[in-house]
Amino acid sequence: MQSFRTLLANLATPVKNRVIPRGGNAKSAFDMITHPTPLQERAFALLGLSPGSM
């Protein structure tokens, strides 16, 4: 069991990184989203959200 504040802090940890391959340009860039933890997956599912849609 955890507090609501702790849960919110945990849900705030996914990150979307913009990756530009070495020697590439803006057209070769892509976004990479960190993988959610099982707790994050469950919380997002209960909220009807996808971590990638954030």
Protein backbone atom coordinates (compact mmCIF):
# COMPACT_ATOMS: atom_id res chain seq x y z
CA MET A 1 0.00 0.00 0.00
CA GLN A 2 1.24 3.47 -0.76
CA SER A 3 -0.06 6.99 -0.50
CA PHE A 4 -1.71 8.85 -3.33
CA ARG A 5 1.22 11.27 -3.36
CA THR A 6 3.70 8.39 -3.77
CA LEU A 7 1.61 6.93 -6.59
CA LEU A 8 1.54 10.27 -8.41
CA ALA A 9 5.31 10.60 -8.03
CA ASN A 10 5.73 7.09 -9.44
CA LEU A 11 3.46 7.87 -12.42
CA ALA A 12 5.53 10.95 -13.21
CA THR A 13 8.70 8.96 -13.93
CA PRO A 14 8.09 7.78 -17.55
CA VAL A 15 10.17 9.82 -19.97
CA LYS A 16 9.98 10.51 -23.70
CA ASN A 17 13.44 11.03 -25.15
CA ARG A 18 14.10 12.54 -28.58
CA VAL A 19 16.87 10.50 -30.21
CA ILE A 20 18.97 11.73 -33.12
CA PRO A 21 21.27 8.98 -34.40
CA ARG A 22 24.95 9.86 -34.65
CA GLY A 23 25.61 11.35 -38.06
CA GLY A 24 21.86 11.72 -38.59
CA ASN A 25 19.70 14.78 -39.01
CA ALA A 26 16.32 15.97 -37.78
CA LYS A 27 14.53 13.71 -40.29
CA SER A 28 16.19 10.60 -38.84
CA ALA A 29 15.21 11.51 -35.26
CA PHE A 30 12.67 9.46 -33.32
CA ASP A 31 11.04 9.39 -29.89
CA MET A 32 11.75 6.65 -27.38
CA ILE A 33 9.53 6.22 -24.32
CA THR A 34 10.78 4.40 -21.23
CA HIS A 35 9.01 1.15 -20.35
CA PRO A 36 6.47 1.44 -17.52
CA THR A 37 6.86 -0.57 -14.35
CA PRO A 38 4.13 -3.13 -13.49
CA LEU A 39 2.70 -0.65 -10.98
CA GLN A 40 2.56 2.08 -13.63
CA GLU A 41 0.95 -0.30 -16.15
CA ARG A 42 -1.77 -1.22 -13.64
CA ALA A 43 -2.46 2.39 -12.64
CA PHE A 44 -2.65 3.56 -16.26
CA ALA A 45 -4.95 0.63 -17.10
CA LEU A 46 -7.28 1.53 -14.21
CA LEU A 47 -7.36 5.11 -15.51
CA GLY A 48 -8.06 3.89 -19.05
CA LEU A 49 -4.86 5.49 -20.33
CA SER A 50 -1.83 4.34 -22.25
CA PRO A 51 1.58 5.53 -21.02
CA GLY A 52 2.51 6.35 -24.62
CA SER A 53 -0.47 8.69 -24.97
CA MET A 54 0.79 11.03 -22.27
